[in-house]
Amino acid sequence: MNVIATRAAEGFPRRSFTVAEIRAMVEAGIIAEDENFELIDGEVVPMSPKGNQHEVIKAALNRLLARQSPDELRLAVETSLYLDDRTFLEPDFILYPIRILPVDVKGADVLLAVEVAASSMKYDRGLKARIYARHGVRELWVIDAETRVTWLHRRPQTDGQWGHIEAVAAEQSLSPEAIQSVAVRMADLD
């Protein structure tokens, strides 16, 4: 299905959707299951197609995270993360305790969220990062698909800010605070 985005009603109220309404539209076939979008505070936000570098990094990082993550954690790839009744995101990866069912995962359960970004860098480091922080995701990595610089976000605050943000060069090793068994250098991902 081809999604057409419009700004024709700019300045006018828009219809806000809930997660339940979106799920019902998918079940009814109004929205195709493979459509790529997120629901941000009730508004449907179409996502850009993923480029070659995005896919290379994602595939390599998937292999690494699957090998290095402890057995008590679940690695979810391109899953829907339902943060409240009007917001869900589609992170590239999340790691959370395996005892929690995917539909029950909340922000504070997520030990690490990873976004690989190219054209979506401003969105991922801006609004999306604030949403992750507001919902208590413990750590967020936003990886620039072209340069492989990773924007590391730690210490989420309820106002949507992060207590610590730093750019980590592709040659530097990264390890999530809560998952010391995982270590990666983005420059090594092929």
N, C-alpha and C. Protein backbone atom coordinates (compact mmCIF):
# COMPACT_ATOMS: atom_id res chain seq x y z
N MET A 1 0.85 -1.18 0.00
CA MET A 1 0.00 0.00 0.00
C MET A 1 0.89 1.23 0.00
N ASN A 2 0.55 2.20 -0.79
CA ASN A 2 1.30 3.44 -0.89
C ASN A 2 0.69 4.48 0.06
N VAL A 3 1.48 4.95 1.02
CA VAL A 3 0.98 5.92 2.00
C VAL A 3 1.23 7.32 1.48
N ILE A 4 0.19 8.11 1.45
CA ILE A 4 0.32 9.50 1.02
C ILE A 4 0.23 10.38 2.25
N ALA A 5 1.28 11.14 2.49
CA ALA A 5 1.29 12.07 3.62
C ALA A 5 0.85 13.44 3.12
N THR A 6 0.09 14.12 3.93
CA THR A 6 -0.40 15.43 3.53
C THR A 6 -0.27 16.41 4.68
N ARG A 7 -0.16 17.67 4.34
CA ARG A 7 -0.15 18.73 5.33
C ARG A 7 -1.28 19.72 5.02
N ALA A 8 -2.28 19.25 4.25
CA ALA A 8 -3.36 20.12 3.78
C ALA A 8 -4.14 20.74 4.92
N ALA A 9 -4.21 20.09 6.05
CA ALA A 9 -5.00 20.61 7.17
C ALA A 9 -4.12 21.34 8.18
N GLU A 10 -2.98 21.82 7.73
CA GLU A 10 -2.06 22.51 8.63
C GLU A 10 -2.78 23.63 9.36
N GLY A 11 -2.66 23.62 10.67
CA GLY A 11 -3.31 24.64 11.48
C GLY A 11 -4.69 24.24 11.97
N PHE A 12 -5.23 23.14 11.43
CA PHE A 12 -6.54 22.67 11.85
C PHE A 12 -6.38 21.42 12.71
N PRO A 13 -7.36 21.15 13.56
CA PRO A 13 -7.29 19.93 14.38
C PRO A 13 -7.26 18.69 13.49
N ARG A 14 -6.58 17.68 13.96
CA ARG A 14 -6.51 16.41 13.25
C ARG A 14 -7.10 15.32 14.12
N ARG A 15 -7.51 14.23 13.52
CA ARG A 15 -8.04 13.09 14.25
C ARG A 15 -6.89 12.36 14.90
N SER A 16 -6.98 12.12 16.19
CA SER A 16 -5.97 11.40 16.94
C SER A 16 -6.41 9.94 17.09
N PHE A 17 -5.47 9.01 16.93
CA PHE A 17 -5.77 7.59 17.02
C PHE A 17 -5.16 7.00 18.28
N THR A 18 -5.72 5.87 18.72
CA THR A 18 -5.14 5.11 19.82
C THR A 18 -4.47 3.87 19.24
N VAL A 19 -3.64 3.24 20.05
CA VAL A 19 -3.00 1.99 19.64
C VAL A 19 -4.09 0.96 19.31
N ALA A 20 -5.12 0.88 20.13
CA ALA A 20 -6.21 -0.09 19.90
C ALA A 20 -6.89 0.16 18.55
N GLU A 21 -7.12 1.42 18.20
CA GLU A 21 -7.75 1.74 16.91
C GLU A 21 -6.85 1.35 15.74
N ILE A 22 -5.56 1.60 15.88
CA ILE A 22 -4.61 1.23 14.82
C ILE A 22 -4.58 -0.29 14.66
N ARG A 23 -4.53 -1.02 15.77
CA ARG A 23 -4.55 -2.49 15.70
C ARG A 23 -5.82 -2.98 15.01
N ALA A 24 -6.96 -2.38 15.32
CA ALA A 24 -8.23 -2.76 14.69
C ALA A 24 -8.19 -2.48 13.19
N MET A 25 -7.59 -1.36 12.78
CA MET A 25 -7.49 -1.04 11.34
C MET A 25 -6.59 -2.03 10.62
N VAL A 26 -5.53 -2.49 11.28
CA VAL A 26 -4.66 -3.51 10.67
C VAL A 26 -5.43 -4.82 10.53
N GLU A 27 -6.13 -5.22 11.59
CA GLU A 27 -6.91 -6.46 11.55
C GLU A 27 -8.00 -6.41 10.48
N ALA A 28 -8.59 -5.23 10.26
CA ALA A 28 -9.65 -5.08 9.26
C ALA A 28 -9.10 -4.92 7.84
N GLY A 29 -7.78 -4.78 7.71
CA GLY A 29 -7.17 -4.62 6.40
C GLY A 29 -7.16 -3.19 5.89
N ILE A 30 -7.56 -2.25 6.71
CA ILE A 30 -7.52 -0.84 6.31
C ILE A 30 -6.08 -0.36 6.21
N ILE A 31 -5.26 -0.84 7.14
CA ILE A 31 -3.81 -0.57 7.12
C ILE A 31 -3.13 -1.91 6.89
N ALA A 32 -2.23 -1.98 5.92
CA ALA A 32 -1.51 -3.22 5.63
C ALA A 32 -0.53 -3.54 6.77
N GLU A 33 -0.39 -4.84 7.06
CA GLU A 33 0.50 -5.27 8.14
C GLU A 33 1.94 -4.86 7.91
N ASP A 34 2.35 -4.73 6.66
CA ASP A 34 3.75 -4.40 6.37
C ASP A 34 4.01 -2.90 6.20
N GLU A 35 3.00 -2.07 6.45
CA GLU A 35 3.23 -0.62 6.37
C GLU A 35 4.20 -0.20 7.46
N ASN A 36 5.07 0.71 7.12
CA ASN A 36 6.12 1.14 8.04
C ASN A 36 5.77 2.52 8.58
N PHE A 37 5.27 2.55 9.83
CA PHE A 37 4.90 3.82 10.45
C PHE A 37 4.98 3.68 11.97
N GLU A 38 4.91 4.80 12.64
CA GLU A 38 4.85 4.84 14.09
C GLU A 38 3.66 5.69 14.49
N LEU A 39 3.20 5.51 15.72
CA LEU A 39 2.11 6.31 16.25
C LEU A 39 2.68 7.18 17.35
N ILE A 40 2.70 8.49 17.12
CA ILE A 40 3.30 9.43 18.07
C ILE A 40 2.20 10.32 18.63
N ASP A 41 1.92 10.13 19.89
CA ASP A 41 0.87 10.90 20.56
C ASP A 41 -0.41 10.93 19.73
N GLY A 42 -0.77 9.78 19.16
CA GLY A 42 -2.01 9.66 18.41
C GLY A 42 -1.92 9.95 16.93
N GLU A 43 -0.78 10.45 16.45
CA GLU A 43 -0.64 10.80 15.04
C GLU A 43 0.20 9.76 14.31
N VAL A 44 -0.31 9.29 13.17
CA VAL A 44 0.41 8.31 12.35
C VAL A 44 1.54 9.03 11.63
N VAL A 45 2.77 8.50 11.82
CA VAL A 45 3.95 9.10 11.21
C VAL A 45 4.60 8.05 10.30
N PRO A 46 4.50 8.22 8.95
CA PRO A 46 5.12 7.27 8.03
C PRO A 46 6.64 7.30 8.17
N MET A 47 7.27 6.13 8.05
CA MET A 47 8.72 6.01 8.13
C MET A 47 9.31 5.85 6.73
N SER A 48 10.51 6.38 6.57
CA SER A 48 11.21 6.30 5.29
C SER A 48 11.69 4.87 5.02
N PRO A 49 11.83 4.51 3.74
CA PRO A 49 12.43 3.22 3.42
C PRO A 49 13.88 3.19 3.92
N LYS A 50 14.34 1.99 4.22
CA LYS A 50 15.70 1.83 4.76
C LYS A 50 16.69 1.65 3.62
N GLY A 51 17.82 2.33 3.73
CA GLY A 51 18.85 2.25 2.71
C GLY A 51 19.83 1.10 2.92
N ASN A 52 20.76 0.97 2.01
CA ASN A 52 21.73 -0.12 2.02
C ASN A 52 22.58 -0.13 3.29
N GLN A 53 23.16 1.00 3.67
CA GLN A 53 24.00 1.04 4.87
C GLN A 53 23.20 0.71 6.12
N HIS A 54 21.97 1.16 6.18
CA HIS A 54 21.09 0.84 7.30
C HIS A 54 20.97 -0.67 7.44
N GLU A 55 20.71 -1.35 6.33
CA GLU A 55 20.52 -2.80 6.36
C GLU A 55 21.80 -3.55 6.68
N VAL A 56 22.95 -3.09 6.19
CA VAL A 56 24.23 -3.72 6.49
C VAL A 56 24.51 -3.65 7.99
N ILE A 57 24.36 -2.46 8.56
CA ILE A 57 24.60 -2.29 9.99
C ILE A 57 23.60 -3.11 10.80
N LYS A 58 22.35 -3.07 10.42
CA LYS A 58 21.33 -3.78 11.18
C LYS A 58 21.59 -5.29 11.17
N ALA A 59 21.94 -5.85 10.03
CA ALA A 59 22.19 -7.30 9.95
C ALA A 59 23.40 -7.69 10.80
N ALA A 60 24.48 -6.92 10.71
CA ALA A 60 25.68 -7.23 11.48
C ALA A 60 25.44 -7.06 12.98
N LEU A 61 24.73 -6.01 13.34
CA LEU A 61 24.44 -5.76 14.76
C LEU A 61 23.49 -6.83 15.31
N ASN A 62 22.59 -7.30 14.49
CA ASN A 62 21.69 -8.38 14.90
C ASN A 62 22.48 -9.63 15.28
N ARG A 63 23.42 -10.01 14.43
CA ARG A 63 24.26 -11.19 14.72
C ARG A 63 25.04 -11.00 16.02
N LEU A 64 25.65 -9.83 16.16
CA LEU A 64 26.46 -9.56 17.35
C LEU A 64 25.62 -9.56 18.63
N LEU A 65 24.49 -8.85 18.62
CA LEU A 65 23.65 -8.80 19.81
C LEU A 65 23.10 -10.17 20.17
N ALA A 66 22.74 -10.97 19.17
CA ALA A 66 22.22 -12.32 19.43
C ALA A 66 23.29 -13.19 20.09
N ARG A 67 24.53 -13.05 19.66
CA ARG A 67 25.63 -13.84 20.25
C ARG A 67 26.00 -13.37 21.65
N GLN A 68 26.03 -12.06 21.87
CA GLN A 68 26.57 -11.52 23.12
C GLN A 68 25.55 -11.30 24.23
N SER A 69 24.27 -11.26 23.92
CA SER A 69 23.26 -10.98 24.94
C SER A 69 23.07 -12.17 25.87
N PRO A 70 22.90 -11.91 27.16
CA PRO A 70 22.65 -13.01 28.11
C PRO A 70 21.32 -13.71 27.82
N ASP A 71 21.23 -14.97 28.20
CA ASP A 71 20.04 -15.77 27.94
C ASP A 71 18.78 -15.22 28.60
N GLU A 72 18.92 -14.45 29.67
CA GLU A 72 17.74 -13.92 30.36
C GLU A 72 17.15 -12.68 29.68
N LEU A 73 17.77 -12.27 28.56
CA LEU A 73 17.25 -11.12 27.81
C LEU A 73 16.71 -11.56 26.46
N ARG A 74 15.68 -10.85 26.01
CA ARG A 74 15.11 -11.09 24.69
C ARG A 74 15.59 -9.96 23.77
N LEU A 75 16.05 -10.34 22.60
CA LEU A 75 16.42 -9.39 21.56
C LEU A 75 15.26 -9.32 20.58
N ALA A 76 14.64 -8.17 20.47
CA ALA A 76 13.53 -7.98 19.54
C ALA A 76 14.00 -7.08 18.41
N VAL A 77 13.73 -7.49 17.19
CA VAL A 77 14.17 -6.77 16.00
C VAL A 77 12.94 -6.17 15.30
N GLU A 78 13.00 -4.85 15.06
CA GLU A 78 11.90 -4.14 14.39
C GLU A 78 10.54 -4.52 14.97
N THR A 79 10.45 -4.47 16.27
CA THR A 79 9.22 -4.80 16.96
C THR A 79 8.43 -3.53 17.28
N SER A 80 7.14 -3.68 17.53
CA SER A 80 6.34 -2.54 17.98
C SER A 80 6.50 -2.44 19.49
N LEU A 81 6.93 -1.28 19.94
CA LEU A 81 7.10 -1.01 21.37
C LEU A 81 5.96 -0.09 21.78
N TYR A 82 4.97 -0.65 22.49
CA TYR A 82 3.78 0.10 22.90
C TYR A 82 4.07 0.84 24.21
N LEU A 83 4.20 2.16 24.13
CA LEU A 83 4.62 2.94 25.28
C LEU A 83 3.45 3.49 26.09
N ASP A 84 2.36 3.79 25.44
CA ASP A 84 1.11 4.17 26.12
C ASP A 84 -0.03 3.96 25.14
N ASP A 85 -1.23 4.36 25.50
CA ASP A 85 -2.38 4.04 24.64
C ASP A 85 -2.44 4.86 23.35
N ARG A 86 -1.52 5.82 23.18
CA ARG A 86 -1.51 6.64 21.95
C ARG A 86 -0.15 6.69 21.27
N THR A 87 0.80 5.88 21.75
CA THR A 87 2.16 5.94 21.19
C THR A 87 2.77 4.55 21.09
N PHE A 88 3.24 4.22 19.88
CA PHE A 88 4.13 3.08 19.73
C PHE A 88 5.23 3.45 18.75
N LEU A 89 6.40 2.90 19.01
CA LEU A 89 7.58 3.12 18.16
C LEU A 89 7.99 1.79 17.56
N GLU A 90 8.79 1.86 16.51
CA GLU A 90 9.31 0.68 15.83
C GLU A 90 10.84 0.74 15.85
N PRO A 91 11.47 0.49 17.00
CA PRO A 91 12.93 0.54 17.07
C PRO A 91 13.55 -0.58 16.23
N ASP A 92 14.78 -0.37 15.80
CA ASP A 92 15.48 -1.43 15.08
C ASP A 92 15.75 -2.61 16.00
N PHE A 93 16.14 -2.32 17.26
CA PHE A 93 16.39 -3.37 18.25
C PHE A 93 15.96 -2.88 19.63
N ILE A 94 15.49 -3.81 20.45
CA ILE A 94 15.39 -3.56 21.89
C ILE A 94 15.82 -4.84 22.61
N LEU A 95 16.39 -4.65 23.78
CA LEU A 95 16.73 -5.75 24.67
C LEU A 95 15.98 -5.54 25.98
N TYR A 96 15.31 -6.59 26.44
CA TYR A 96 14.52 -6.51 27.66
C TYR A 96 14.44 -7.91 28.29
N PRO A 97 14.03 -8.02 29.56
CA PRO A 97 13.96 -9.33 30.22
C PRO A 97 13.03 -10.30 29.48
N ILE A 98 13.50 -11.52 29.30
CA ILE A 98 12.78 -12.53 28.52
C ILE A 98 11.47 -12.94 29.19
N ARG A 99 11.34 -12.76 30.48
CA ARG A 99 10.14 -13.15 31.22
C ARG A 99 8.92 -12.29 30.86
N ILE A 100 9.14 -11.15 30.18
CA ILE A 100 8.06 -10.23 29.82
C ILE A 100 7.60 -10.54 28.39
N LEU A 101 6.30 -10.71 28.22
CA LEU A 101 5.76 -10.93 26.88
C LEU A 101 5.95 -9.66 26.04
N PRO A 102 6.20 -9.80 24.74
CA PRO A 102 6.45 -8.61 23.90
C PRO A 102 5.38 -7.53 24.01
N VAL A 103 4.11 -7.90 24.05
CA VAL A 103 3.03 -6.91 24.09
C VAL A 103 2.98 -6.19 25.45
N ASP A 104 3.59 -6.77 26.47
CA ASP A 104 3.59 -6.18 27.81
C ASP A 104 4.81 -5.32 28.12
N VAL A 105 5.76 -5.26 27.21
CA VAL A 105 6.99 -4.49 27.44
C VAL A 105 6.65 -3.00 27.49
N LYS A 106 7.12 -2.35 28.53
CA LYS A 106 6.96 -0.90 28.68
C LYS A 106 8.35 -0.27 28.62
N GLY A 107 8.40 1.04 28.52
CA GLY A 107 9.68 1.73 28.37
C GLY A 107 10.70 1.38 29.42
N ALA A 108 10.30 1.35 30.68
CA ALA A 108 11.24 1.07 31.77
C ALA A 108 11.79 -0.35 31.73
N ASP A 109 11.15 -1.26 31.00
CA ASP A 109 11.64 -2.63 30.86
C ASP A 109 12.79 -2.72 29.86
N VAL A 110 12.91 -1.73 28.99
CA VAL A 110 13.89 -1.78 27.90
C VAL A 110 15.25 -1.33 28.43
N LEU A 111 16.20 -2.27 28.39
CA LEU A 111 17.56 -1.98 28.84
C LEU A 111 18.35 -1.24 27.77
N LEU A 112 18.05 -1.54 26.51
CA LEU A 112 18.72 -0.88 25.39
C LEU A 112 17.77 -0.83 24.20
N ALA A 113 17.65 0.35 23.61
CA ALA A 113 16.95 0.53 22.34
C ALA A 113 17.98 1.03 21.35
N VAL A 114 17.90 0.55 20.12
CA VAL A 114 18.85 0.95 19.08
C VAL A 114 18.08 1.40 17.85
N GLU A 115 18.46 2.56 17.35
CA GLU A 115 17.93 3.10 16.10
C GLU A 115 19.10 3.29 15.14
N VAL A 116 19.00 2.73 13.94
CA VAL A 116 19.98 2.97 12.89
C VAL A 116 19.34 4.00 11.97
N ALA A 117 20.02 5.12 11.77
CA ALA A 117 19.39 6.25 11.09
C ALA A 117 20.23 6.75 9.91
N ALA A 118 19.53 7.16 8.89
CA ALA A 118 20.16 7.87 7.76
C ALA A 118 19.35 9.14 7.57
N SER A 119 18.29 9.05 6.78
CA SER A 119 17.45 10.23 6.55
C SER A 119 16.63 10.60 7.79
N SER A 120 16.50 9.68 8.74
CA SER A 120 15.68 9.93 9.94
C SER A 120 16.50 10.42 11.13
N MET A 121 17.75 10.80 10.94
CA MET A 121 18.63 11.17 12.05
C MET A 121 18.03 12.28 12.93
N LYS A 122 17.51 13.33 12.33
CA LYS A 122 16.95 14.43 13.11
C LYS A 122 15.78 13.95 13.96
N TYR A 123 14.91 13.16 13.38
CA TYR A 123 13.74 12.61 14.08
C TYR A 123 14.18 11.66 15.21
N ASP A 124 15.12 10.75 14.90
CA ASP A 124 15.56 9.76 15.89
C ASP A 124 16.29 10.40 17.07
N ARG A 125 17.10 11.42 16.81
CA ARG A 125 17.84 12.09 17.89
C ARG A 125 16.99 13.16 18.58
N GLY A 126 15.90 13.57 17.95
CA GLY A 126 15.05 14.62 18.50
C GLY A 126 13.81 14.06 19.17
N LEU A 127 12.69 14.15 18.46
CA LEU A 127 11.40 13.75 19.02
C LEU A 127 11.41 12.32 19.53
N LYS A 128 11.93 11.40 18.75
CA LYS A 128 11.91 9.99 19.14
C LYS A 128 12.74 9.75 20.39
N ALA A 129 13.90 10.37 20.49
CA ALA A 129 14.74 10.24 21.69
C ALA A 129 14.01 10.78 22.92
N ARG A 130 13.29 11.89 22.75
CA ARG A 130 12.53 12.45 23.88
C ARG A 130 11.41 11.50 24.32
N ILE A 131 10.78 10.83 23.37
CA ILE A 131 9.73 9.87 23.71
C ILE A 131 10.32 8.69 24.48
N TYR A 132 11.43 8.17 24.00
CA TYR A 132 12.10 7.08 24.73
C TYR A 132 12.42 7.51 26.16
N ALA A 133 12.98 8.70 26.33
CA ALA A 133 13.34 9.18 27.67
C ALA A 133 12.10 9.34 28.54
N ARG A 134 11.08 9.97 28.00
CA ARG A 134 9.84 10.21 28.74
C ARG A 134 9.23 8.92 29.27
N HIS A 135 9.43 7.82 28.53
CA HIS A 135 8.86 6.54 28.94
C HIS A 135 9.86 5.65 29.67
N GLY A 136 11.03 6.17 30.00
CA GLY A 136 11.96 5.47 30.87
C GLY A 136 12.84 4.41 30.25
N VAL A 137 12.97 4.39 28.91
CA VAL A 137 13.92 3.46 28.28
C VAL A 137 15.29 3.79 28.84
N ARG A 138 16.00 2.79 29.32
CA ARG A 138 17.22 3.04 30.10
C ARG A 138 18.39 3.56 29.28
N GLU A 139 18.49 3.09 28.04
CA GLU A 139 19.60 3.53 27.20
C GLU A 139 19.17 3.48 25.74
N LEU A 140 19.60 4.48 24.99
CA LEU A 140 19.28 4.57 23.57
C LEU A 140 20.56 4.82 22.78
N TRP A 141 20.73 4.03 21.72
CA TRP A 141 21.81 4.28 20.77
C TRP A 141 21.17 4.69 19.46
N VAL A 142 21.60 5.82 18.92
CA VAL A 142 21.19 6.24 17.58
C VAL A 142 22.44 6.22 16.72
N ILE A 143 22.48 5.30 15.78
CA ILE A 143 23.68 5.08 14.95
C ILE A 143 23.49 5.77 13.61
N ASP A 144 24.43 6.63 13.26
CA ASP A 144 24.43 7.28 11.94
C ASP A 144 24.89 6.23 10.93
N ALA A 145 24.01 5.84 10.03
CA ALA A 145 24.31 4.77 9.07
C ALA A 145 25.48 5.10 8.15
N GLU A 146 25.71 6.36 7.90
CA GLU A 146 26.80 6.75 6.99
C GLU A 146 28.16 6.81 7.69
N THR A 147 28.21 7.48 8.83
CA THR A 147 29.49 7.68 9.53
C THR A 147 29.75 6.64 10.61
N ARG A 148 28.69 5.95 11.04
CA ARG A 148 28.72 4.98 12.12
C ARG A 148 29.02 5.59 13.49
N VAL A 149 28.94 6.89 13.58
CA VAL A 149 28.99 7.55 14.88
C VAL A 149 27.71 7.17 15.61
N THR A 150 27.84 6.85 16.89
CA THR A 150 26.67 6.47 17.69
C THR A 150 26.41 7.55 18.72
N TRP A 151 25.18 8.02 18.74
CA TRP A 151 24.75 8.97 19.76
C TRP A 151 24.21 8.16 20.93
N LEU A 152 24.96 8.16 22.01
CA LEU A 152 24.66 7.39 23.21
C LEU A 152 23.84 8.24 24.17
N HIS A 153 22.66 7.75 24.55
CA HIS A 153 21.75 8.46 25.46
C HIS A 153 21.58 7.61 26.72
N ARG A 154 21.86 8.20 27.86
CA ARG A 154 21.69 7.51 29.15
C ARG A 154 21.03 8.43 30.16
N ARG A 155 20.50 7.82 31.22
CA ARG A 155 19.84 8.53 32.32
C ARG A 155 18.59 9.30 31.83
N PRO A 156 17.57 8.56 31.42
CA PRO A 156 16.34 9.19 30.93
C PRO A 156 15.63 9.96 32.04
N GLN A 157 14.98 11.05 31.66
CA GLN A 157 14.22 11.86 32.60
C GLN A 157 12.77 11.94 32.13
N THR A 158 11.84 12.06 33.05
CA THR A 158 10.42 12.03 32.71
C THR A 158 9.97 13.22 31.86
N ASP A 159 10.78 14.29 31.81
CA ASP A 159 10.43 15.43 30.96
C ASP A 159 10.89 15.24 29.52
N GLY A 160 11.45 14.06 29.21
CA GLY A 160 11.89 13.77 27.86
C GLY A 160 13.34 14.11 27.57
N GLN A 161 14.04 14.56 28.56
CA GLN A 161 15.46 14.87 28.40
C GLN A 161 16.30 13.66 28.82
N TRP A 162 17.55 13.68 28.42
CA TRP A 162 18.50 12.64 28.82
C TRP A 162 19.57 13.29 29.69
N GLY A 163 19.93 12.64 30.79
CA GLY A 163 20.95 13.18 31.68
C GLY A 163 22.34 13.13 31.08
N HIS A 164 22.54 12.22 30.12
CA HIS A 164 23.85 12.07 29.49
C HIS A 164 23.66 11.73 28.01
N ILE A 165 24.27 12.53 27.15
CA ILE A 165 24.29 12.26 25.70
C ILE A 165 25.71 12.50 25.22
N GLU A 166 26.23 11.56 24.45
CA GLU A 166 27.56 11.77 23.86
C GLU A 166 27.65 11.08 22.51
N ALA A 167 28.48 11.64 21.65
CA ALA A 167 28.76 11.04 20.35
C ALA A 167 29.96 10.11 20.52
N VAL A 168 29.79 8.87 20.12
CA VAL A 168 30.85 7.87 20.24
C VAL A 168 31.34 7.53 18.83
N ALA A 169 32.63 7.74 18.59
CA ALA A 169 33.21 7.48 17.28
C ALA A 169 33.09 6.00 16.92
N ALA A 170 33.05 5.72 15.63
CA ALA A 170 32.88 4.35 15.14
C ALA A 170 33.99 3.42 15.62
N GLU A 171 35.16 3.95 15.88
CA GLU A 171 36.31 3.14 16.30
C GLU A 171 36.31 2.83 17.79
N GLN A 172 35.47 3.52 18.56
CA GLN A 172 35.41 3.31 20.00
C GLN A 172 34.48 2.15 20.33
N SER A 173 34.78 1.44 21.41
CA SER A 173 33.94 0.35 21.86
C SER A 173 32.76 0.88 22.66
N LEU A 174 31.61 0.29 22.44
CA LEU A 174 30.38 0.65 23.15
C LEU A 174 29.88 -0.57 23.92
N SER A 175 29.37 -0.31 25.12
CA SER A 175 28.76 -1.37 25.91
C SER A 175 27.62 -0.76 26.70
N PRO A 176 26.42 -1.35 26.66
CA PRO A 176 25.32 -0.81 27.44
C PRO A 176 25.62 -0.93 28.93
N GLU A 177 25.23 0.09 29.70
CA GLU A 177 25.48 0.06 31.14
C GLU A 177 24.88 -1.18 31.80
N ALA A 178 23.70 -1.59 31.39
CA ALA A 178 23.00 -2.69 32.04
C ALA A 178 23.34 -4.06 31.47
N ILE A 179 24.14 -4.09 30.39
CA ILE A 179 24.45 -5.37 29.73
C ILE A 179 25.94 -5.39 29.40
N GLN A 180 26.76 -5.63 30.39
CA GLN A 180 28.21 -5.56 30.20
C GLN A 180 28.76 -6.63 29.27
N SER A 181 28.00 -7.71 29.02
CA SER A 181 28.49 -8.76 28.12
C SER A 181 28.48 -8.32 26.66
N VAL A 182 27.78 -7.24 26.36
CA VAL A 182 27.70 -6.74 24.98
C VAL A 182 28.74 -5.64 24.79
N ALA A 183 29.55 -5.81 23.78
CA ALA A 183 30.53 -4.79 23.41
C ALA A 183 30.65 -4.77 21.89
N VAL A 184 30.64 -3.57 21.33
CA VAL A 184 30.67 -3.45 19.87
C VAL A 184 31.44 -2.19 19.48
N ARG A 185 32.15 -2.33 18.36
CA ARG A 185 32.75 -1.18 17.66
C ARG A 185 32.01 -1.08 16.34
N MET A 186 31.33 0.02 16.11
CA MET A 186 30.53 0.14 14.89
C MET A 186 31.39 0.03 13.64
N ALA A 187 32.66 0.43 13.71
CA ALA A 187 33.56 0.35 12.57
C ALA A 187 33.80 -1.10 12.14
N ASP A 188 33.60 -2.06 13.05
CA ASP A 188 33.84 -3.47 12.76
C ASP A 188 32.65 -4.18 12.13
N LEU A 189 31.50 -3.52 12.08
CA LEU A 189 30.30 -4.18 11.57
C LEU A 189 30.32 -4.23 10.04
N ASP A 190 30.26 -5.43 9.50
CA ASP A 190 30.22 -5.65 8.04
C ASP A 190 29.09 -6.55 7.67
